[in-house]
Amino acid sequence: MIKGLHHNAYRCRDSEETRRFYEDFLGLPLVNAFSIEETKSGRKTHALHSFYRMDDGSCLAFFEVPDTPFEFKQQHDYDLHIALEVKPEDLKRMLEKGRAAGIESRGIADHRFIDSIYFRDPNGYVIELTAKRPDHERAMDPAVNKARETLRDWQRDKLERVKA
């Protein structure tokens, strides 16, 4: 039934600042933007909804809603990050590009089946660029990696680990 991801949507502080990061820096083209003046519940609002397309057709989308409070904060990787796939040869180039542009940049992190670099976007979100290693598909095979067993053991042991 579910065919894939159409878009993930996030709040943004400023649509043009967000566009400069996602389109100019990351290279994701702005493919749609429209104003929303009334919610489906009939509440008046003033929002801009913008979409940035990835090569697979899915999008990252943003809402700028100046009349509705939202707490923007520097997100921790564990709380929220957006991971986007790139070719392995793009990692070093993008890391250097981020540093040269004065964008908070970290990496390259070795995750055994992927390598990743990290940026912070203008909204405080962590953006991960990740490149698959040759053994990626095998590493993501639940018959090989024992994902269910790992989850089961985690559920059983997590409270004891917190207490320790």
N, C-alpha and C. Protein backbone atom coordinates (compact mmCIF):
# COMPACT_ATOMS: atom_id res chain seq x y z
N MET A 1 0.81 -1.19 0.00
CA MET A 1 0.00 0.00 0.00
C MET A 1 0.87 1.27 0.00
N ILE A 2 1.80 1.41 0.92
CA ILE A 2 2.65 2.59 0.95
C ILE A 2 3.73 2.44 -0.11
N LYS A 3 3.81 3.41 -1.00
CA LYS A 3 4.73 3.34 -2.13
C LYS A 3 6.08 3.96 -1.84
N GLY A 4 6.14 4.88 -0.92
CA GLY A 4 7.39 5.56 -0.62
C GLY A 4 7.11 6.88 0.07
N LEU A 5 8.16 7.61 0.31
CA LEU A 5 8.04 8.91 0.97
C LEU A 5 7.78 9.99 -0.07
N HIS A 6 6.72 10.75 0.11
CA HIS A 6 6.47 11.91 -0.75
C HIS A 6 7.24 13.11 -0.21
N HIS A 7 7.01 13.45 1.08
CA HIS A 7 7.78 14.52 1.70
C HIS A 7 7.74 14.40 3.21
N ASN A 8 8.76 14.93 3.84
CA ASN A 8 8.79 15.18 5.27
C ASN A 8 8.72 16.68 5.43
N ALA A 9 7.94 17.17 6.39
CA ALA A 9 7.78 18.61 6.56
C ALA A 9 8.24 19.05 7.94
N TYR A 10 8.89 20.21 7.97
CA TYR A 10 9.46 20.78 9.18
C TYR A 10 9.14 22.27 9.21
N ARG A 11 9.21 22.87 10.38
CA ARG A 11 9.07 24.33 10.50
C ARG A 11 10.38 24.99 10.10
N CYS A 12 10.30 26.20 9.60
CA CYS A 12 11.51 26.98 9.32
C CYS A 12 11.33 28.40 9.85
N ARG A 13 12.45 29.02 10.19
CA ARG A 13 12.43 30.40 10.69
C ARG A 13 12.16 31.38 9.57
N ASP A 14 12.84 31.15 8.43
CA ASP A 14 12.80 32.08 7.32
C ASP A 14 12.92 31.28 6.02
N SER A 15 11.95 31.43 5.14
CA SER A 15 11.92 30.61 3.92
C SER A 15 13.09 30.87 2.99
N GLU A 16 13.53 32.12 2.87
CA GLU A 16 14.65 32.42 1.98
C GLU A 16 15.96 31.89 2.56
N GLU A 17 16.15 32.02 3.86
CA GLU A 17 17.34 31.47 4.51
C GLU A 17 17.38 29.95 4.34
N THR A 18 16.23 29.33 4.48
CA THR A 18 16.11 27.88 4.30
C THR A 18 16.39 27.51 2.85
N ARG A 19 15.89 28.29 1.90
CA ARG A 19 16.14 28.02 0.49
C ARG A 19 17.63 28.09 0.16
N ARG A 20 18.30 29.08 0.71
CA ARG A 20 19.74 29.20 0.44
C ARG A 20 20.49 27.95 0.89
N PHE A 21 20.11 27.38 2.04
CA PHE A 21 20.78 26.18 2.53
C PHE A 21 20.44 24.97 1.66
N TYR A 22 19.14 24.71 1.47
CA TYR A 22 18.72 23.48 0.79
C TYR A 22 18.94 23.54 -0.73
N GLU A 23 18.73 24.68 -1.35
CA GLU A 23 18.91 24.76 -2.80
C GLU A 23 20.33 25.16 -3.17
N ASP A 24 20.80 26.27 -2.63
CA ASP A 24 22.12 26.76 -3.03
C ASP A 24 23.25 25.90 -2.47
N PHE A 25 23.17 25.48 -1.21
CA PHE A 25 24.26 24.72 -0.61
C PHE A 25 24.14 23.22 -0.93
N LEU A 26 22.98 22.61 -0.60
CA LEU A 26 22.84 21.17 -0.82
C LEU A 26 22.51 20.80 -2.27
N GLY A 27 21.94 21.72 -3.02
CA GLY A 27 21.61 21.44 -4.41
C GLY A 27 20.25 20.82 -4.64
N LEU A 28 19.35 20.92 -3.66
CA LEU A 28 17.99 20.41 -3.84
C LEU A 28 17.13 21.52 -4.43
N PRO A 29 16.59 21.34 -5.62
CA PRO A 29 15.84 22.42 -6.25
C PRO A 29 14.50 22.69 -5.54
N LEU A 30 14.19 23.97 -5.42
CA LEU A 30 12.88 24.39 -4.95
C LEU A 30 11.89 24.06 -6.06
N VAL A 31 10.92 23.17 -5.79
CA VAL A 31 10.00 22.74 -6.84
C VAL A 31 8.56 23.20 -6.63
N ASN A 32 8.24 23.68 -5.41
CA ASN A 32 6.89 24.19 -5.17
C ASN A 32 6.91 25.06 -3.93
N ALA A 33 6.07 26.06 -3.94
CA ALA A 33 5.86 26.90 -2.77
C ALA A 33 4.47 27.51 -2.90
N PHE A 34 3.71 27.47 -1.82
CA PHE A 34 2.39 28.07 -1.85
C PHE A 34 2.02 28.60 -0.47
N SER A 35 1.19 29.62 -0.49
CA SER A 35 0.74 30.27 0.72
C SER A 35 -0.52 29.57 1.24
N ILE A 36 -0.62 29.45 2.54
CA ILE A 36 -1.81 28.89 3.18
C ILE A 36 -2.40 30.00 4.04
N GLU A 37 -3.63 30.36 3.76
CA GLU A 37 -4.28 31.47 4.48
C GLU A 37 -5.36 30.99 5.45
N GLU A 38 -5.76 29.71 5.32
CA GLU A 38 -6.79 29.17 6.22
C GLU A 38 -6.54 27.68 6.38
N THR A 39 -6.61 27.22 7.64
CA THR A 39 -6.43 25.79 7.91
C THR A 39 -7.71 25.03 7.56
N LYS A 40 -7.62 23.72 7.52
CA LYS A 40 -8.80 22.90 7.22
C LYS A 40 -9.86 23.01 8.31
N SER A 41 -9.46 23.47 9.51
CA SER A 41 -10.44 23.68 10.58
C SER A 41 -11.05 25.07 10.51
N GLY A 42 -10.64 25.88 9.52
CA GLY A 42 -11.23 27.20 9.34
C GLY A 42 -10.48 28.33 10.04
N ARG A 43 -9.38 28.03 10.70
CA ARG A 43 -8.60 29.07 11.39
C ARG A 43 -7.79 29.85 10.38
N LYS A 44 -7.85 31.19 10.49
CA LYS A 44 -7.04 32.04 9.62
C LYS A 44 -5.57 31.89 10.00
N THR A 45 -4.70 31.86 9.02
CA THR A 45 -3.27 31.73 9.25
C THR A 45 -2.54 32.44 8.13
N HIS A 46 -1.25 32.47 8.23
CA HIS A 46 -0.41 33.01 7.16
C HIS A 46 0.85 32.16 7.15
N ALA A 47 0.90 31.19 6.24
CA ALA A 47 2.02 30.24 6.19
C ALA A 47 2.48 30.08 4.75
N LEU A 48 3.78 29.80 4.61
CA LEU A 48 4.33 29.43 3.31
C LEU A 48 4.81 27.99 3.42
N HIS A 49 4.40 27.15 2.49
CA HIS A 49 4.81 25.74 2.44
C HIS A 49 5.69 25.58 1.21
N SER A 50 6.97 25.20 1.42
CA SER A 50 7.91 25.07 0.31
C SER A 50 8.48 23.66 0.24
N PHE A 51 8.82 23.21 -0.98
CA PHE A 51 9.24 21.84 -1.23
C PHE A 51 10.55 21.83 -2.01
N TYR A 52 11.49 20.96 -1.57
CA TYR A 52 12.79 20.78 -2.21
C TYR A 52 12.92 19.32 -2.63
N ARG A 53 13.10 19.08 -3.94
CA ARG A 53 13.06 17.72 -4.49
C ARG A 53 14.43 17.05 -4.47
N MET A 54 14.40 15.76 -4.10
CA MET A 54 15.58 14.91 -4.17
C MET A 54 15.52 14.10 -5.46
N ASP A 55 16.63 13.45 -5.82
CA ASP A 55 16.70 12.72 -7.08
C ASP A 55 15.64 11.63 -7.22
N ASP A 56 15.21 11.04 -6.11
CA ASP A 56 14.20 9.98 -6.20
C ASP A 56 12.78 10.51 -6.31
N GLY A 57 12.61 11.84 -6.33
CA GLY A 57 11.28 12.44 -6.46
C GLY A 57 10.66 12.85 -5.14
N SER A 58 11.16 12.32 -4.03
CA SER A 58 10.63 12.73 -2.73
C SER A 58 11.15 14.11 -2.37
N CYS A 59 10.54 14.73 -1.39
CA CYS A 59 10.89 16.11 -1.05
C CYS A 59 11.09 16.31 0.44
N LEU A 60 11.88 17.31 0.76
CA LEU A 60 11.90 17.91 2.08
C LEU A 60 11.05 19.16 1.96
N ALA A 61 10.17 19.36 2.92
CA ALA A 61 9.26 20.50 2.86
C ALA A 61 9.36 21.30 4.15
N PHE A 62 9.01 22.57 4.07
CA PHE A 62 9.11 23.46 5.22
C PHE A 62 7.89 24.36 5.29
N PHE A 63 7.51 24.67 6.52
CA PHE A 63 6.45 25.64 6.79
C PHE A 63 7.07 26.84 7.49
N GLU A 64 6.89 28.02 6.92
CA GLU A 64 7.19 29.25 7.65
C GLU A 64 5.85 29.82 8.09
N VAL A 65 5.68 29.95 9.42
CA VAL A 65 4.41 30.39 9.98
C VAL A 65 4.70 31.49 11.02
N PRO A 66 4.89 32.72 10.55
CA PRO A 66 5.29 33.78 11.46
C PRO A 66 4.30 34.08 12.58
N ASP A 67 3.01 33.78 12.38
CA ASP A 67 2.01 34.12 13.39
C ASP A 67 1.73 33.00 14.40
N THR A 68 2.50 31.91 14.33
CA THR A 68 2.30 30.79 15.26
C THR A 68 3.62 30.47 15.95
N PRO A 69 3.66 30.56 17.28
CA PRO A 69 4.93 30.32 17.98
C PRO A 69 5.45 28.90 17.76
N PHE A 70 6.77 28.80 17.67
CA PHE A 70 7.45 27.52 17.56
C PHE A 70 8.82 27.69 18.17
N GLU A 71 9.24 26.74 19.00
CA GLU A 71 10.55 26.83 19.64
C GLU A 71 11.60 26.20 18.74
N PHE A 72 12.38 27.04 18.10
CA PHE A 72 13.51 26.57 17.32
C PHE A 72 14.68 26.38 18.28
N LYS A 73 15.34 25.24 18.18
CA LYS A 73 16.49 24.99 19.03
C LYS A 73 17.49 24.16 18.26
N GLN A 74 18.72 24.16 18.75
CA GLN A 74 19.76 23.33 18.16
C GLN A 74 19.40 21.87 18.48
N GLN A 75 18.98 21.12 17.51
CA GLN A 75 18.58 19.74 17.72
C GLN A 75 19.81 18.86 17.97
N HIS A 76 19.64 17.88 18.84
CA HIS A 76 20.66 16.86 19.06
C HIS A 76 20.42 15.75 18.05
N ASP A 77 21.49 15.14 17.58
CA ASP A 77 21.36 14.08 16.57
C ASP A 77 20.33 13.02 16.97
N TYR A 78 20.30 12.65 18.25
CA TYR A 78 19.38 11.60 18.69
C TYR A 78 17.92 12.06 18.67
N ASP A 79 17.70 13.36 18.78
CA ASP A 79 16.33 13.87 18.85
C ASP A 79 15.72 14.06 17.47
N LEU A 80 16.51 14.59 16.55
CA LEU A 80 16.00 14.82 15.21
C LEU A 80 17.17 15.06 14.28
N HIS A 81 17.26 14.26 13.25
CA HIS A 81 18.18 14.56 12.16
C HIS A 81 17.60 14.00 10.87
N ILE A 82 18.00 14.62 9.79
CA ILE A 82 17.52 14.25 8.47
C ILE A 82 18.71 13.68 7.72
N ALA A 83 18.64 12.40 7.33
CA ALA A 83 19.75 11.74 6.65
C ALA A 83 19.43 11.63 5.16
N LEU A 84 20.32 12.16 4.34
CA LEU A 84 20.16 12.17 2.89
C LEU A 84 21.30 11.40 2.25
N GLU A 85 20.98 10.53 1.31
CA GLU A 85 22.01 9.70 0.67
C GLU A 85 22.74 10.45 -0.44
N VAL A 86 24.06 10.30 -0.44
CA VAL A 86 24.92 10.85 -1.49
C VAL A 86 25.86 9.76 -1.96
N LYS A 87 26.60 10.02 -3.03
CA LYS A 87 27.63 9.10 -3.49
C LYS A 87 28.84 9.22 -2.58
N PRO A 88 29.59 8.13 -2.38
CA PRO A 88 30.76 8.19 -1.50
C PRO A 88 31.73 9.32 -1.86
N GLU A 89 31.92 9.57 -3.15
CA GLU A 89 32.88 10.60 -3.55
C GLU A 89 32.41 12.02 -3.22
N ASP A 90 31.14 12.19 -2.86
CA ASP A 90 30.61 13.51 -2.53
C ASP A 90 30.85 13.91 -1.07
N LEU A 91 31.13 12.94 -0.20
CA LEU A 91 31.25 13.25 1.23
C LEU A 91 32.34 14.28 1.51
N LYS A 92 33.55 14.01 1.09
CA LYS A 92 34.67 14.90 1.40
C LYS A 92 34.45 16.28 0.78
N ARG A 93 33.98 16.31 -0.46
CA ARG A 93 33.73 17.57 -1.15
C ARG A 93 32.70 18.41 -0.40
N MET A 94 31.62 17.78 0.04
CA MET A 94 30.57 18.51 0.75
C MET A 94 31.04 18.95 2.14
N LEU A 95 31.85 18.13 2.80
CA LEU A 95 32.39 18.52 4.10
C LEU A 95 33.25 19.78 3.94
N GLU A 96 34.10 19.79 2.93
CA GLU A 96 34.95 20.95 2.67
C GLU A 96 34.10 22.16 2.27
N LYS A 97 33.07 21.95 1.49
CA LYS A 97 32.17 23.04 1.07
C LYS A 97 31.48 23.65 2.30
N GLY A 98 31.02 22.80 3.21
CA GLY A 98 30.36 23.29 4.42
C GLY A 98 31.30 24.11 5.28
N ARG A 99 32.50 23.61 5.48
CA ARG A 99 33.49 24.33 6.29
C ARG A 99 33.84 25.66 5.64
N ALA A 100 34.03 25.67 4.32
CA ALA A 100 34.37 26.90 3.60
C ALA A 100 33.24 27.93 3.69
N ALA A 101 32.00 27.45 3.76
CA ALA A 101 30.84 28.34 3.84
C ALA A 101 30.55 28.80 5.27
N GLY A 102 31.31 28.30 6.25
CA GLY A 102 31.08 28.67 7.64
C GLY A 102 29.87 27.98 8.26
N ILE A 103 29.46 26.85 7.67
CA ILE A 103 28.34 26.07 8.19
C ILE A 103 28.90 25.06 9.17
N GLU A 104 28.24 24.91 10.33
CA GLU A 104 28.68 23.90 11.29
C GLU A 104 28.74 22.56 10.57
N SER A 105 29.92 21.93 10.55
CA SER A 105 30.16 20.71 9.77
C SER A 105 30.96 19.73 10.60
N ARG A 106 30.57 18.43 10.58
CA ARG A 106 31.33 17.40 11.30
C ARG A 106 31.41 16.15 10.44
N GLY A 107 32.42 15.35 10.70
CA GLY A 107 32.56 14.07 10.02
C GLY A 107 33.97 13.91 9.51
N ILE A 108 34.23 12.86 8.90
CA ILE A 108 33.40 11.77 8.37
C ILE A 108 33.27 10.69 9.46
N ALA A 109 32.04 10.28 9.75
CA ALA A 109 31.78 9.27 10.77
C ALA A 109 31.66 7.89 10.11
N ASP A 110 32.32 6.91 10.73
CA ASP A 110 32.31 5.52 10.26
C ASP A 110 31.22 4.77 11.02
N HIS A 111 30.12 4.44 10.33
CA HIS A 111 29.02 3.69 10.93
C HIS A 111 29.03 2.22 10.48
N ARG A 112 30.14 1.75 9.98
CA ARG A 112 30.38 0.38 9.54
C ARG A 112 29.71 0.05 8.20
N PHE A 113 28.46 0.40 7.99
CA PHE A 113 27.79 0.10 6.72
C PHE A 113 27.51 1.37 5.90
N ILE A 114 27.70 2.53 6.53
CA ILE A 114 27.61 3.83 5.86
C ILE A 114 28.67 4.75 6.46
N ASP A 115 29.04 5.77 5.71
CA ASP A 115 29.88 6.85 6.20
C ASP A 115 29.05 8.12 6.13
N SER A 116 29.22 9.01 7.13
CA SER A 116 28.35 10.17 7.21
C SER A 116 29.10 11.44 7.58
N ILE A 117 28.56 12.55 7.11
CA ILE A 117 28.97 13.87 7.56
C ILE A 117 27.72 14.60 8.03
N TYR A 118 27.91 15.64 8.81
CA TYR A 118 26.78 16.32 9.43
C TYR A 118 26.93 17.83 9.32
N PHE A 119 25.80 18.48 9.07
CA PHE A 119 25.71 19.94 9.04
C PHE A 119 24.56 20.36 9.94
N ARG A 120 24.57 21.64 10.31
CA ARG A 120 23.41 22.20 11.00
C ARG A 120 22.79 23.22 10.05
N ASP A 121 21.49 23.05 9.78
CA ASP A 121 20.81 23.97 8.88
C ASP A 121 20.42 25.24 9.63
N PRO A 122 19.89 26.26 8.95
CA PRO A 122 19.58 27.53 9.61
C PRO A 122 18.46 27.43 10.65
N ASN A 123 17.75 26.32 10.68
CA ASN A 123 16.64 26.14 11.63
C ASN A 123 17.06 25.36 12.87
N GLY A 124 18.32 24.90 12.91
CA GLY A 124 18.81 24.13 14.04
C GLY A 124 18.76 22.63 13.82
N TYR A 125 18.26 22.17 12.67
CA TYR A 125 18.17 20.75 12.38
C TYR A 125 19.53 20.20 11.96
N VAL A 126 19.80 18.96 12.35
CA VAL A 126 21.02 18.29 11.93
C VAL A 126 20.72 17.59 10.60
N ILE A 127 21.54 17.89 9.60
CA ILE A 127 21.42 17.27 8.28
C ILE A 127 22.60 16.35 8.09
N GLU A 128 22.31 15.07 7.88
CA GLU A 128 23.34 14.06 7.68
C GLU A 128 23.40 13.72 6.20
N LEU A 129 24.59 13.77 5.62
CA LEU A 129 24.79 13.23 4.29
C LEU A 129 25.49 11.89 4.48
N THR A 130 24.92 10.85 3.91
CA THR A 130 25.43 9.51 4.15
C THR A 130 25.67 8.78 2.84
N ALA A 131 26.76 8.02 2.81
CA ALA A 131 27.12 7.24 1.62
C ALA A 131 27.17 5.76 2.01
N LYS A 132 26.50 4.95 1.20
CA LYS A 132 26.50 3.51 1.46
C LYS A 132 27.86 2.90 1.17
N ARG A 133 28.22 1.93 1.99
CA ARG A 133 29.41 1.13 1.73
C ARG A 133 28.99 -0.08 0.90
N PRO A 134 29.96 -0.77 0.27
CA PRO A 134 29.61 -1.91 -0.59
C PRO A 134 28.79 -3.00 0.12
N ASP A 135 28.96 -3.17 1.42
CA ASP A 135 28.22 -4.22 2.14
C ASP A 135 26.91 -3.72 2.76
N HIS A 136 26.44 -2.54 2.32
CA HIS A 136 25.25 -1.93 2.90
C HIS A 136 24.03 -2.85 2.87
N GLU A 137 23.73 -3.43 1.73
CA GLU A 137 22.52 -4.26 1.61
C GLU A 137 22.57 -5.45 2.56
N ARG A 138 23.72 -6.08 2.66
CA ARG A 138 23.86 -7.20 3.59
C ARG A 138 23.68 -6.72 5.03
N ALA A 139 24.28 -5.59 5.37
CA ALA A 139 24.16 -5.06 6.73
C ALA A 139 22.72 -4.69 7.08
N MET A 140 21.91 -4.35 6.09
CA MET A 140 20.51 -3.98 6.33
C MET A 140 19.56 -5.17 6.20
N ASP A 141 20.08 -6.36 6.01
CA ASP A 141 19.26 -7.58 5.89
C ASP A 141 18.96 -8.10 7.29
N PRO A 142 17.68 -8.09 7.72
CA PRO A 142 17.36 -8.54 9.07
C PRO A 142 17.70 -10.00 9.34
N ALA A 143 17.82 -10.81 8.30
CA ALA A 143 18.22 -12.20 8.50
C ALA A 143 19.69 -12.28 8.91
N VAL A 144 20.47 -11.28 8.53
CA VAL A 144 21.89 -11.24 8.85
C VAL A 144 22.13 -10.44 10.13
N ASN A 145 21.49 -9.28 10.25
CA ASN A 145 21.79 -8.39 11.37
C ASN A 145 20.99 -8.67 12.64
N LYS A 146 20.02 -9.58 12.56
CA LYS A 146 19.23 -9.99 13.74
C LYS A 146 18.51 -8.81 14.39
N ALA A 147 17.89 -7.95 13.58
CA ALA A 147 17.22 -6.74 14.07
C ALA A 147 16.15 -7.07 15.12
N ARG A 148 15.32 -8.07 14.88
CA ARG A 148 14.26 -8.41 15.85
C ARG A 148 14.83 -8.86 17.18
N GLU A 149 15.88 -9.66 17.13
CA GLU A 149 16.50 -10.12 18.37
C GLU A 149 17.13 -8.96 19.13
N THR A 150 17.75 -8.05 18.40
CA THR A 150 18.35 -6.87 19.03
C THR A 150 17.28 -6.03 19.69
N LEU A 151 16.15 -5.81 19.02
CA LEU A 151 15.04 -5.05 19.60
C LEU A 151 14.48 -5.76 20.83
N ARG A 152 14.28 -7.07 20.71
CA ARG A 152 13.75 -7.84 21.85
C ARG A 152 14.68 -7.71 23.05
N ASP A 153 15.99 -7.88 22.85
CA ASP A 153 16.96 -7.78 23.95
C ASP A 153 16.97 -6.37 24.53
N TRP A 154 16.88 -5.37 23.68
CA TRP A 154 16.84 -3.99 24.14
C TRP A 154 15.64 -3.77 25.06
N GLN A 155 14.47 -4.21 24.61
CA GLN A 155 13.26 -4.03 25.41
C GLN A 155 13.40 -4.72 26.77
N ARG A 156 13.98 -5.88 26.77
CA ARG A 156 14.14 -6.65 28.00
C ARG A 156 15.13 -5.97 28.96
N ASP A 157 16.20 -5.41 28.42
CA ASP A 157 17.31 -4.94 29.26
C ASP A 157 17.38 -3.43 29.46
N LYS A 158 16.57 -2.64 28.79
CA LYS A 158 16.79 -1.19 28.79
C LYS A 158 16.67 -0.55 30.17
N LEU A 159 15.74 -0.97 30.97
CA LEU A 159 15.59 -0.35 32.29
C LEU A 159 16.79 -0.67 33.20
N GLU A 160 17.32 -1.87 33.07
CA GLU A 160 18.49 -2.24 33.87
C GLU A 160 19.71 -1.39 33.46
N ARG A 161 19.82 -1.10 32.19
CA ARG A 161 20.95 -0.29 31.71
C ARG A 161 20.85 1.13 32.22
N VAL A 162 19.64 1.67 32.31
CA VAL A 162 19.45 3.04 32.81
C VAL A 162 19.81 3.10 34.30
N LYS A 163 19.47 2.07 35.05
CA LYS A 163 19.73 2.04 36.49
C LYS A 163 21.22 1.89 36.79
N ALA A 164 21.96 1.25 35.88
CA ALA A 164 23.38 0.96 36.13
C ALA A 164 24.25 2.18 36.12
